[in-house]
Protein backbone atom coordinates (compact mmCIF):
# COMPACT_ATOMS: atom_id res chain seq x y z
CA MET A 1 15.04 0.52 -5.94
CA ASN A 2 14.63 -3.01 -4.09
CA GLU A 3 11.46 -2.57 -2.00
CA ASP A 4 12.39 -6.09 -0.20
CA LEU A 5 15.29 -4.25 1.67
CA GLU A 6 12.86 -1.12 2.96
CA LEU A 7 10.96 -0.67 5.92
CA SER A 8 8.52 2.15 6.65
CA VAL A 9 5.68 3.41 8.41
CA THR A 10 3.16 6.26 7.73
CA ARG A 11 0.69 8.33 9.58
CA LEU A 12 -2.17 10.60 8.70
CA ILE A 13 -1.48 13.76 11.16
CA ASP A 14 -4.29 16.22 11.59
CA ALA A 15 -2.77 19.20 10.81
CA PRO A 16 -1.61 21.20 7.92
CA VAL A 17 2.09 20.26 6.19
CA ASP A 18 3.76 23.50 7.32
CA VAL A 19 2.31 22.64 11.18
CA VAL A 20 4.30 19.45 10.84
CA TRP A 21 6.60 21.01 9.21
CA ARG A 22 7.68 23.21 11.79
CA VAL A 23 7.64 20.66 14.63
CA PHE A 24 9.53 18.35 12.75
CA THR A 25 12.49 21.04 12.59
CA GLU A 26 12.00 23.17 15.60
CA GLN A 27 11.25 20.60 18.23
CA THR A 28 13.06 17.64 17.00
CA ASN A 29 14.29 16.70 20.29
CA GLU A 30 11.03 16.12 21.49
CA TRP A 31 9.86 13.49 18.55
CA PHE A 32 12.80 11.96 17.43
CA CYS A 33 13.06 8.77 19.70
CA PRO A 34 10.43 6.63 21.63
CA LYS A 35 10.44 7.89 25.26
CA PRO A 36 11.56 7.00 27.86
CA TRP A 37 14.58 7.30 25.56
CA ARG A 38 15.64 11.28 25.12
CA ALA A 39 17.67 12.56 21.73
CA GLU A 40 19.79 15.42 20.83
CA VAL A 41 19.53 16.16 17.14
CA ASP A 42 21.65 18.09 15.09
CA TRP A 43 20.88 18.12 11.47
CA ASP A 44 21.80 21.14 8.95
CA LEU A 45 19.13 20.50 6.98
CA ARG A 46 20.84 20.83 3.01
CA ALA A 47 22.28 18.47 0.76
CA GLY A 48 25.62 17.72 1.89
CA GLY A 49 24.59 18.64 5.69
CA ARG A 50 26.05 16.95 8.63
CA SER A 51 23.38 14.93 10.59
CA SER A 52 24.48 14.12 14.23
CA THR A 53 22.09 12.40 16.61
CA VAL A 54 22.70 10.97 19.98
CA MET A 55 19.74 9.02 21.68
CA TYR A 56 19.72 8.24 25.70
CA GLY A 57 18.32 5.46 27.38
CA PRO A 58 16.81 5.40 30.74
CA ASN A 59 19.56 2.99 31.79
CA GLY A 60 22.20 5.24 30.94
CA GLU A 61 22.35 3.51 27.23
CA GLU A 62 23.79 6.17 24.48
CA ASN A 63 23.70 5.84 20.77
CA ARG A 64 25.54 8.29 18.42
CA MET A 65 24.40 7.98 14.60
CA ASP A 66 26.52 10.41 12.67
CA GLY A 67 25.71 10.68 8.57
CA ILE A 68 25.27 13.32 6.05
CA ILE A 69 21.99 14.88 4.56
CA LEU A 70 21.51 13.61 1.21
CA GLU A 71 18.34 16.00 0.21
CA ALA A 72 16.06 18.30 2.36
CA ILE A 73 13.20 19.87 0.34
CA PRO A 74 11.53 21.92 2.99
CA GLY A 75 7.77 20.70 3.72
CA LYS A 76 8.69 17.86 1.32
CA ARG A 77 11.46 15.50 1.99
CA VAL A 78 14.37 14.80 4.10
CA VAL A 79 16.94 12.24 3.08
CA PHE A 80 19.83 11.15 5.11
CA THR A 81 22.32 8.72 5.35
CA ASP A 82 24.59 6.75 7.88
CA ALA A 83 27.48 5.38 5.10
CA PHE A 84 29.43 8.89 5.78
CA LYS A 85 30.23 11.19 8.38
CA GLY A 86 31.49 14.62 8.07
CA ASP A 87 33.87 15.61 5.30
CA TRP A 88 32.51 12.59 3.22
CA MET A 89 34.48 10.38 5.25
CA PRO A 90 32.90 6.35 4.84
CA GLN A 91 31.72 4.24 7.57
CA GLY A 92 30.11 0.98 7.74
CA PRO A 93 26.35 1.94 5.80
CA PHE A 94 23.39 0.76 7.60
CA MET A 95 20.72 2.44 5.87
CA VAL A 96 19.27 5.53 4.11
CA GLY A 97 16.64 7.02 6.12
CA ILE A 98 13.71 9.30 4.45
CA PHE A 99 10.85 11.39 6.08
CA GLU A 100 8.38 12.29 3.33
CA PHE A 101 5.47 14.49 4.01
CA SER A 102 2.38 15.26 1.73
CA ASP A 103 -0.96 17.27 1.99
CA GLU A 104 -4.13 15.22 2.36
CA GLY A 105 -7.02 17.61 2.52
CA GLY A 106 -5.49 19.76 4.94
CA LYS A 107 -3.55 17.16 7.13
CA THR A 108 -0.27 15.77 6.60
CA ARG A 109 0.35 12.14 5.11
CA TYR A 110 3.62 11.75 7.38
CA THR A 111 6.10 8.61 6.17
CA GLY A 112 9.13 7.35 7.53
CA ARG A 113 11.39 4.65 5.21
CA ALA A 114 14.46 3.21 6.34
CA ARG A 115 16.74 1.59 2.88
CA HIS A 116 18.97 -0.76 3.57
CA TRP A 117 22.10 -2.15 1.58
CA THR A 118 21.50 -5.71 2.54
CA ASP A 119 19.14 -8.22 3.96
CA VAL A 120 20.67 -8.86 7.13
CA ALA A 121 21.00 -4.88 8.09
CA LYS A 122 17.48 -4.96 7.14
CA GLN A 123 16.61 -7.67 9.58
CA GLN A 124 18.76 -6.30 12.09
CA HIS A 125 16.37 -2.92 12.02
CA GLN A 126 13.63 -5.20 12.53
CA ALA A 127 14.79 -6.94 15.35
CA MET A 128 15.79 -3.73 17.20
CA GLY A 129 11.88 -2.98 17.31
CA PHE A 130 11.58 -0.61 13.78
CA ALA A 131 8.16 -0.95 13.44
CA ASP A 132 6.86 0.19 17.47
CA GLY A 133 10.12 2.56 17.13
CA TRP A 134 9.45 4.58 14.33
CA SER A 135 5.44 4.04 14.66
CA LYS A 136 5.93 5.45 17.91
CA VAL A 137 7.88 8.80 16.69
CA ALA A 138 5.33 9.35 14.20
CA GLU A 139 2.80 9.33 16.98
CA GLN A 140 4.63 11.66 19.21
CA LEU A 141 5.26 13.86 15.79
CA ALA A 142 1.43 14.01 15.41
CA GLU A 143 0.83 14.56 19.03
CA LEU A 144 2.96 17.63 18.75
CA ALA A 145 1.97 18.83 15.36
CA GLU A 146 -2.02 18.66 16.42
CA LYS A 147 -1.45 20.32 19.64
CA ALA A 148 0.71 23.21 17.58
CA LYS A 149 -2.11 23.17 15.38
CA ALA A 150 -5.07 23.72 17.91
CA GLU A 151 -2.71 26.26 19.70
CA ALA A 152 -2.29 28.47 16.83
């Protein structure tokens, strides 16, 4: 793996993995993109499953991302790519996305990774605001999971 082509964020969430996973899968539209943007996420969380996301901006922007789930291990990891759309139709690849969850003493270490085919794609993702955007998404996931833990 060429780590020079990877961007990542990590966050320790004060909730157990099962709670974070439940929020990750059941409240995806609430955490998936930084507010004031909103998302409509449709993931078939199994290898070969469809990944479809539409993000809507506050000024009418619309960003559609279709892809394929490559791996889905409940409570552990989800891997997806935009290199293909439905029925394994190739499309211009931008990245492989990875969401990972691990237990750290009853809390959850969440890591979001974006692996790129080229340095140009990585630089484009950085310029799009990867660090701020994916960090905000991790923060929103953490807030929802910590609230769910408190309400349990």
